[in-house]
């Protein structure tokens, strides 16, 4: 049951990227 919660971080990344805020559109590369 605990390990199934790991998928929640994948949902966050998806919502921050192409399904939400499009994080990967940035041109920033400096750390």
ModelCIF file with pLDDT and N, C-alpha, C, O atoms, coordinates in Angstrom:
data_MODEL
#
_entry.id   MODEL 
#
_entity.id                         1 
_entity.type                       polymer 
_entity.pdbx_number_of_molecules   1 
#
_entity_poly.entity_id                      1 
_entity_poly.type                           'polypeptide(L)' 
_entity_poly.nstd_linkage                   no 
_entity_poly.nstd_monomer                   no 
_entity_poly.pdbx_seq_one_letter_code       
;(UNK)(UNK)(UNK)(UNK)(UNK)(UNK)(UNK)(UNK)(UNK)(UNK)(UNK)(UNK)(UNK)(UNK)(UNK)(UNK)
(UNK)(UNK)(UNK)(UNK)(UNK)(UNK)(UNK)(UNK)(UNK)(UNK)(UNK)(UNK)(UNK)(UNK)(UNK)
;
_entity_poly.pdbx_seq_one_letter_code_can   XXXXXXXXXXXXXXXXXXXXXXXXXXXXXXX 
_entity_poly.pdbx_strand_id                 A 
#
loop_
_entity_poly_seq.entity_id 
_entity_poly_seq.num 
_entity_poly_seq.mon_id 
_entity_poly_seq.hetero 
1 1  UNK n 
1 2  UNK n 
1 3  UNK n 
1 4  UNK n 
1 5  UNK n 
1 6  UNK n 
1 7  UNK n 
1 8  UNK n 
1 9  UNK n 
1 10 UNK n 
1 11 UNK n 
1 12 UNK n 
1 13 UNK n 
1 14 UNK n 
1 15 UNK n 
1 16 UNK n 
1 17 UNK n 
1 18 UNK n 
1 19 UNK n 
1 20 UNK n 
1 21 UNK n 
1 22 UNK n 
1 23 UNK n 
1 24 UNK n 
1 25 UNK n 
1 26 UNK n 
1 27 UNK n 
1 28 UNK n 
1 29 UNK n 
1 30 UNK n 
1 31 UNK n 
#
_struct_asym.id          A 
_struct_asym.entity_id   1 
#
loop_
_ma_qa_metric.id 
_ma_qa_metric.mode 
_ma_qa_metric.name 
_ma_qa_metric.software_group_id 
_ma_qa_metric.type 
1 global pLDDT . pLDDT 
2 local  pLDDT . pLDDT 
#
_ma_qa_metric_global.metric_id      1 
_ma_qa_metric_global.metric_value   94.97 
_ma_qa_metric_global.model_id       1 
_ma_qa_metric_global.ordinal_id     1 
#
loop_
_ma_qa_metric_local.label_asym_id 
_ma_qa_metric_local.label_comp_id 
_ma_qa_metric_local.label_seq_id 
_ma_qa_metric_local.metric_id 
_ma_qa_metric_local.metric_value 
_ma_qa_metric_local.model_id 
_ma_qa_metric_local.ordinal_id 
A UNK 1  2 94.00 1 1  
A UNK 2  2 96.00 1 2  
A UNK 3  2 95.00 1 3  
A UNK 4  2 94.00 1 4  
A UNK 5  2 96.00 1 5  
A UNK 6  2 96.00 1 6  
A UNK 7  2 96.00 1 7  
A UNK 8  2 97.00 1 8  
A UNK 9  2 97.00 1 9  
A UNK 10 2 97.00 1 10 
A UNK 11 2 96.00 1 11 
A UNK 12 2 97.00 1 12 
A UNK 13 2 97.00 1 13 
A UNK 14 2 96.00 1 14 
A UNK 15 2 96.00 1 15 
A UNK 16 2 97.00 1 16 
A UNK 17 2 95.00 1 17 
A UNK 18 2 90.00 1 18 
A UNK 19 2 89.00 1 19 
A UNK 20 2 92.00 1 20 
A UNK 21 2 95.00 1 21 
A UNK 22 2 95.00 1 22 
A UNK 23 2 96.00 1 23 
A UNK 24 2 94.00 1 24 
A UNK 25 2 94.00 1 25 
A UNK 26 2 94.00 1 26 
A UNK 27 2 92.00 1 27 
A UNK 28 2 95.00 1 28 
A UNK 29 2 94.00 1 29 
A UNK 30 2 96.00 1 30 
A UNK 31 2 96.00 1 31 
#
loop_
_atom_site.group_PDB 
_atom_site.id 
_atom_site.type_symbol 
_atom_site.label_atom_id 
_atom_site.label_alt_id 
_atom_site.label_comp_id 
_atom_site.label_asym_id 
_atom_site.label_entity_id 
_atom_site.label_seq_id 
_atom_site.pdbx_PDB_ins_code 
_atom_site.Cartn_x 
_atom_site.Cartn_y 
_atom_site.Cartn_z 
_atom_site.occupancy 
_atom_site.B_iso_or_equiv 
_atom_site.pdbx_formal_charge 
_atom_site.auth_seq_id 
_atom_site.auth_comp_id 
_atom_site.auth_asym_id 
_atom_site.auth_atom_id 
_atom_site.pdbx_PDB_model_num 
ATOM 1   N N  . UNK A 1 1  ? 0.835  -1.214 0.000   1.00 94.00 ? 1  UNK A N  1 
ATOM 2   C CA . UNK A 1 1  ? 0.000  0.000  0.000   1.00 94.00 ? 1  UNK A CA 1 
ATOM 3   C C  . UNK A 1 1  ? 0.861  1.252  0.000   1.00 94.00 ? 1  UNK A C  1 
ATOM 4   O O  . UNK A 1 1  ? 0.551  2.233  -0.676  1.00 94.00 ? 1  UNK A O  1 
ATOM 5   N N  . UNK A 1 2  ? 1.951  1.209  0.769   1.00 96.00 ? 2  UNK A N  1 
ATOM 6   C CA . UNK A 1 2  ? 2.846  2.365  0.813   1.00 96.00 ? 2  UNK A CA 1 
ATOM 7   C C  . UNK A 1 2  ? 3.519  2.581  -0.531  1.00 96.00 ? 2  UNK A C  1 
ATOM 8   O O  . UNK A 1 2  ? 3.605  3.712  -1.008  1.00 96.00 ? 2  UNK A O  1 
ATOM 9   N N  . UNK A 1 3  ? 3.996  1.509  -1.142  1.00 95.00 ? 3  UNK A N  1 
ATOM 10  C CA . UNK A 1 3  ? 4.732  1.680  -2.390  1.00 95.00 ? 3  UNK A CA 1 
ATOM 11  C C  . UNK A 1 3  ? 3.834  2.208  -3.504  1.00 95.00 ? 3  UNK A C  1 
ATOM 12  O O  . UNK A 1 3  ? 4.306  2.932  -4.380  1.00 95.00 ? 3  UNK A O  1 
ATOM 13  N N  . UNK A 1 4  ? 2.564  1.862  -3.486  1.00 94.00 ? 4  UNK A N  1 
ATOM 14  C CA . UNK A 1 4  ? 1.649  2.375  -4.508  1.00 94.00 ? 4  UNK A CA 1 
ATOM 15  C C  . UNK A 1 4  ? 1.562  3.894  -4.479  1.00 94.00 ? 4  UNK A C  1 
ATOM 16  O O  . UNK A 1 4  ? 1.221  4.515  -5.486  1.00 94.00 ? 4  UNK A O  1 
ATOM 17  N N  . UNK A 1 5  ? 1.865  4.493  -3.340  1.00 96.00 ? 5  UNK A N  1 
ATOM 18  C CA . UNK A 1 5  ? 1.835  5.954  -3.233  1.00 96.00 ? 5  UNK A CA 1 
ATOM 19  C C  . UNK A 1 5  ? 2.975  6.609  -4.004  1.00 96.00 ? 5  UNK A C  1 
ATOM 20  O O  . UNK A 1 5  ? 2.943  7.815  -4.249  1.00 96.00 ? 5  UNK A O  1 
ATOM 21  N N  . UNK A 1 6  ? 3.982  5.826  -4.389  1.00 96.00 ? 6  UNK A N  1 
ATOM 22  C CA . UNK A 1 6  ? 5.089  6.391  -5.160  1.00 96.00 ? 6  UNK A CA 1 
ATOM 23  C C  . UNK A 1 6  ? 4.591  6.996  -6.466  1.00 96.00 ? 6  UNK A C  1 
ATOM 24  O O  . UNK A 1 6  ? 5.184  7.947  -6.975  1.00 96.00 ? 6  UNK A O  1 
ATOM 25  N N  . UNK A 1 7  ? 3.523  6.461  -7.002  1.00 96.00 ? 7  UNK A N  1 
ATOM 26  C CA . UNK A 1 7  ? 3.003  6.975  -8.274  1.00 96.00 ? 7  UNK A CA 1 
ATOM 27  C C  . UNK A 1 7  ? 2.568  8.431  -8.148  1.00 96.00 ? 7  UNK A C  1 
ATOM 28  O O  . UNK A 1 7  ? 2.469  9.135  -9.153  1.00 96.00 ? 7  UNK A O  1 
ATOM 29  N N  . UNK A 1 8  ? 2.307  8.889  -6.926  1.00 97.00 ? 8  UNK A N  1 
ATOM 30  C CA . UNK A 1 8  ? 1.857  10.266 -6.727  1.00 97.00 ? 8  UNK A CA 1 
ATOM 31  C C  . UNK A 1 8  ? 2.890  11.275 -7.216  1.00 97.00 ? 8  UNK A C  1 
ATOM 32  O O  . UNK A 1 8  ? 2.518  12.356 -7.673  1.00 97.00 ? 8  UNK A O  1 
ATOM 33  N N  . UNK A 1 9  ? 4.171  10.950 -7.133  1.00 97.00 ? 9  UNK A N  1 
ATOM 34  C CA . UNK A 1 9  ? 5.179  11.904 -7.588  1.00 97.00 ? 9  UNK A CA 1 
ATOM 35  C C  . UNK A 1 9  ? 5.210  11.978 -9.112  1.00 97.00 ? 9  UNK A C  1 
ATOM 36  O O  . UNK A 1 9  ? 5.539  13.022 -9.675  1.00 97.00 ? 9  UNK A O  1 
ATOM 37  N N  . UNK A 1 10 ? 4.870  10.875 -9.781  1.00 97.00 ? 10 UNK A N  1 
ATOM 38  C CA . UNK A 1 10 ? 4.741  10.903 -11.241 1.00 97.00 ? 10 UNK A CA 1 
ATOM 39  C C  . UNK A 1 10 ? 3.571  11.796 -11.645 1.00 97.00 ? 10 UNK A C  1 
ATOM 40  O O  . UNK A 1 10 ? 3.653  12.515 -12.641 1.00 97.00 ? 10 UNK A O  1 
ATOM 41  N N  . UNK A 1 11 ? 2.475  11.753 -10.869 1.00 96.00 ? 11 UNK A N  1 
ATOM 42  C CA . UNK A 1 11 ? 1.329  12.625 -11.158 1.00 96.00 ? 11 UNK A CA 1 
ATOM 43  C C  . UNK A 1 11 ? 1.712  14.091 -11.003 1.00 96.00 ? 11 UNK A C  1 
ATOM 44  O O  . UNK A 1 11 ? 1.261  14.940 -11.773 1.00 96.00 ? 11 UNK A O  1 
ATOM 45  N N  . UNK A 1 12 ? 2.542  14.387 -10.010 1.00 97.00 ? 12 UNK A N  1 
ATOM 46  C CA . UNK A 1 12 ? 3.002  15.764 -9.823  1.00 97.00 ? 12 UNK A CA 1 
ATOM 47  C C  . UNK A 1 12 ? 3.836  16.226 -11.004 1.00 97.00 ? 12 UNK A C  1 
ATOM 48  O O  . UNK A 1 12 ? 3.615  17.318 -11.529 1.00 97.00 ? 12 UNK A O  1 
ATOM 49  N N  . UNK A 1 13 ? 4.790  15.411 -11.429 1.00 97.00 ? 13 UNK A N  1 
ATOM 50  C CA . UNK A 1 13 ? 5.638  15.790 -12.558 1.00 97.00 ? 13 UNK A CA 1 
ATOM 51  C C  . UNK A 1 13 ? 4.810  16.002 -13.816 1.00 97.00 ? 13 UNK A C  1 
ATOM 52  O O  . UNK A 1 13 ? 5.070  16.929 -14.583 1.00 97.00 ? 13 UNK A O  1 
ATOM 53  N N  . UNK A 1 14 ? 3.813  15.146 -14.032 1.00 96.00 ? 14 UNK A N  1 
ATOM 54  C CA . UNK A 1 14 ? 2.949  15.301 -15.196 1.00 96.00 ? 14 UNK A CA 1 
ATOM 55  C C  . UNK A 1 14 ? 2.189  16.620 -15.145 1.00 96.00 ? 14 UNK A C  1 
ATOM 56  O O  . UNK A 1 14 ? 2.058  17.305 -16.159 1.00 96.00 ? 14 UNK A O  1 
ATOM 57  N N  . UNK A 1 15 ? 1.680  16.981 -13.946 1.00 96.00 ? 15 UNK A N  1 
ATOM 58  C CA . UNK A 1 15 ? 0.919  18.221 -13.809 1.00 96.00 ? 15 UNK A CA 1 
ATOM 59  C C  . UNK A 1 15 ? 1.814  19.452 -13.919 1.00 96.00 ? 15 UNK A C  1 
ATOM 60  O O  . UNK A 1 15 ? 1.336  20.533 -14.264 1.00 96.00 ? 15 UNK A O  1 
ATOM 61  N N  . UNK A 1 16 ? 3.096  19.300 -13.633 1.00 97.00 ? 16 UNK A N  1 
ATOM 62  C CA . UNK A 1 16 ? 4.020  20.425 -13.759 1.00 97.00 ? 16 UNK A CA 1 
ATOM 63  C C  . UNK A 1 16 ? 4.552  20.571 -15.176 1.00 97.00 ? 16 UNK A C  1 
ATOM 64  O O  . UNK A 1 16 ? 5.051  21.631 -15.554 1.00 97.00 ? 16 UNK A O  1 
ATOM 65  N N  . UNK A 1 17 ? 4.445  19.513 -15.949 1.00 95.00 ? 17 UNK A N  1 
ATOM 66  C CA . UNK A 1 17 ? 5.010  19.538 -17.298 1.00 95.00 ? 17 UNK A CA 1 
ATOM 67  C C  . UNK A 1 17 ? 3.879  19.635 -18.326 1.00 95.00 ? 17 UNK A C  1 
ATOM 68  O O  . UNK A 1 17 ? 3.101  20.588 -18.293 1.00 95.00 ? 17 UNK A O  1 
ATOM 69  N N  . UNK A 1 18 ? 3.780  18.684 -19.218 1.00 90.00 ? 18 UNK A N  1 
ATOM 70  C CA . UNK A 1 18 ? 2.908  18.845 -20.386 1.00 90.00 ? 18 UNK A CA 1 
ATOM 71  C C  . UNK A 1 18 ? 1.425  18.905 -20.042 1.00 90.00 ? 18 UNK A C  1 
ATOM 72  O O  . UNK A 1 18 ? 0.645  19.435 -20.834 1.00 90.00 ? 18 UNK A O  1 
ATOM 73  N N  . UNK A 1 19 ? 1.007  18.385 -18.896 1.00 89.00 ? 19 UNK A N  1 
ATOM 74  C CA . UNK A 1 19 ? -0.407 18.421 -18.531 1.00 89.00 ? 19 UNK A CA 1 
ATOM 75  C C  . UNK A 1 19 ? -0.768 19.603 -17.633 1.00 89.00 ? 19 UNK A C  1 
ATOM 76  O O  . UNK A 1 19 ? -1.879 19.670 -17.105 1.00 89.00 ? 19 UNK A O  1 
ATOM 77  N N  . UNK A 1 20 ? 0.169  20.532 -17.461 1.00 92.00 ? 20 UNK A N  1 
ATOM 78  C CA . UNK A 1 20 ? -0.128 21.653 -16.586 1.00 92.00 ? 20 UNK A CA 1 
ATOM 79  C C  . UNK A 1 20 ? 0.682  22.884 -16.903 1.00 92.00 ? 20 UNK A C  1 
ATOM 80  O O  . UNK A 1 20 ? 0.286  23.693 -17.741 1.00 92.00 ? 20 UNK A O  1 
ATOM 81  N N  . UNK A 1 21 ? 1.822  23.036 -16.235 1.00 95.00 ? 21 UNK A N  1 
ATOM 82  C CA . UNK A 1 21 ? 2.581  24.279 -16.308 1.00 95.00 ? 21 UNK A CA 1 
ATOM 83  C C  . UNK A 1 21 ? 3.700  24.253 -17.347 1.00 95.00 ? 21 UNK A C  1 
ATOM 84  O O  . UNK A 1 21 ? 4.441  25.227 -17.482 1.00 95.00 ? 21 UNK A O  1 
ATOM 85  N N  . UNK A 1 22 ? 3.827  23.160 -18.075 1.00 95.00 ? 22 UNK A N  1 
ATOM 86  C CA . UNK A 1 22 ? 4.773  23.072 -19.195 1.00 95.00 ? 22 UNK A CA 1 
ATOM 87  C C  . UNK A 1 22 ? 6.192  23.489 -18.785 1.00 95.00 ? 22 UNK A C  1 
ATOM 88  O O  . UNK A 1 22 ? 6.813  24.345 -19.414 1.00 95.00 ? 22 UNK A O  1 
ATOM 89  N N  . UNK A 1 23 ? 6.671  22.872 -17.736 1.00 96.00 ? 23 UNK A N  1 
ATOM 90  C CA . UNK A 1 23 ? 8.005  23.157 -17.217 1.00 96.00 ? 23 UNK A CA 1 
ATOM 91  C C  . UNK A 1 23 ? 9.080  22.970 -18.280 1.00 96.00 ? 23 UNK A C  1 
ATOM 92  O O  . UNK A 1 23 ? 10.070 23.702 -18.302 1.00 96.00 ? 23 UNK A O  1 
ATOM 93  N N  . UNK A 1 24 ? 8.888  21.989 -19.161 1.00 94.00 ? 24 UNK A N  1 
ATOM 94  C CA . UNK A 1 24 ? 9.918  21.681 -20.150 1.00 94.00 ? 24 UNK A CA 1 
ATOM 95  C C  . UNK A 1 24 ? 10.013 22.721 -21.266 1.00 94.00 ? 24 UNK A C  1 
ATOM 96  O O  . UNK A 1 24 ? 10.895 22.616 -22.118 1.00 94.00 ? 24 UNK A O  1 
ATOM 97  N N  . UNK A 1 25 ? 9.125  23.729 -21.283 1.00 94.00 ? 25 UNK A N  1 
ATOM 98  C CA . UNK A 1 25 ? 9.211  24.792 -22.285 1.00 94.00 ? 25 UNK A CA 1 
ATOM 99  C C  . UNK A 1 25 ? 10.257 25.839 -21.946 1.00 94.00 ? 25 UNK A C  1 
ATOM 100 O O  . UNK A 1 25 ? 10.566 26.694 -22.775 1.00 94.00 ? 25 UNK A O  1 
ATOM 101 N N  . UNK A 1 26 ? 10.803 25.785 -20.746 1.00 94.00 ? 26 UNK A N  1 
ATOM 102 C CA . UNK A 1 26 ? 11.765 26.798 -20.341 1.00 94.00 ? 26 UNK A CA 1 
ATOM 103 C C  . UNK A 1 26 ? 13.058 26.712 -21.139 1.00 94.00 ? 26 UNK A C  1 
ATOM 104 O O  . UNK A 1 26 ? 13.462 25.640 -21.590 1.00 94.00 ? 26 UNK A O  1 
ATOM 105 N N  . UNK A 1 27 ? 13.689 27.856 -21.301 1.00 92.00 ? 27 UNK A N  1 
ATOM 106 C CA . UNK A 1 27 ? 15.009 27.881 -21.917 1.00 92.00 ? 27 UNK A CA 1 
ATOM 107 C C  . UNK A 1 27 ? 16.110 27.974 -20.880 1.00 92.00 ? 27 UNK A C  1 
ATOM 108 O O  . UNK A 1 27 ? 17.283 28.088 -21.237 1.00 92.00 ? 27 UNK A O  1 
ATOM 109 N N  . UNK A 1 28 ? 15.753 27.927 -19.587 1.00 95.00 ? 28 UNK A N  1 
ATOM 110 C CA . UNK A 1 28 ? 16.740 28.009 -18.514 1.00 95.00 ? 28 UNK A CA 1 
ATOM 111 C C  . UNK A 1 28 ? 17.489 26.686 -18.390 1.00 95.00 ? 28 UNK A C  1 
ATOM 112 O O  . UNK A 1 28 ? 16.875 25.622 -18.310 1.00 95.00 ? 28 UNK A O  1 
ATOM 113 N N  . UNK A 1 29 ? 18.805 26.758 -18.375 1.00 94.00 ? 29 UNK A N  1 
ATOM 114 C CA . UNK A 1 29 ? 19.624 25.552 -18.218 1.00 94.00 ? 29 UNK A CA 1 
ATOM 115 C C  . UNK A 1 29 ? 20.619 25.672 -17.065 1.00 94.00 ? 29 UNK A C  1 
ATOM 116 O O  . UNK A 1 29 ? 21.140 24.662 -16.592 1.00 94.00 ? 29 UNK A O  1 
ATOM 117 N N  . UNK A 1 30 ? 20.888 26.904 -16.605 1.00 96.00 ? 30 UNK A N  1 
ATOM 118 C CA . UNK A 1 30 ? 21.851 27.092 -15.523 1.00 96.00 ? 30 UNK A CA 1 
ATOM 119 C C  . UNK A 1 30 ? 21.261 26.544 -14.216 1.00 96.00 ? 30 UNK A C  1 
ATOM 120 O O  . UNK A 1 30 ? 20.090 26.781 -13.921 1.00 96.00 ? 30 UNK A O  1 
ATOM 121 N N  . UNK A 1 31 ? 22.062 25.816 -13.439 1.00 96.00 ? 31 UNK A N  1 
ATOM 122 C CA . UNK A 1 31 ? 21.605 25.033 -12.295 1.00 96.00 ? 31 UNK A CA 1 
ATOM 123 C C  . UNK A 1 31 ? 20.786 25.843 -11.295 1.00 96.00 ? 31 UNK A C  1 
ATOM 124 O O  . UNK A 1 31 ? 20.339 25.303 -10.283 1.00 96.00 ? 31 UNK A O  1 
#
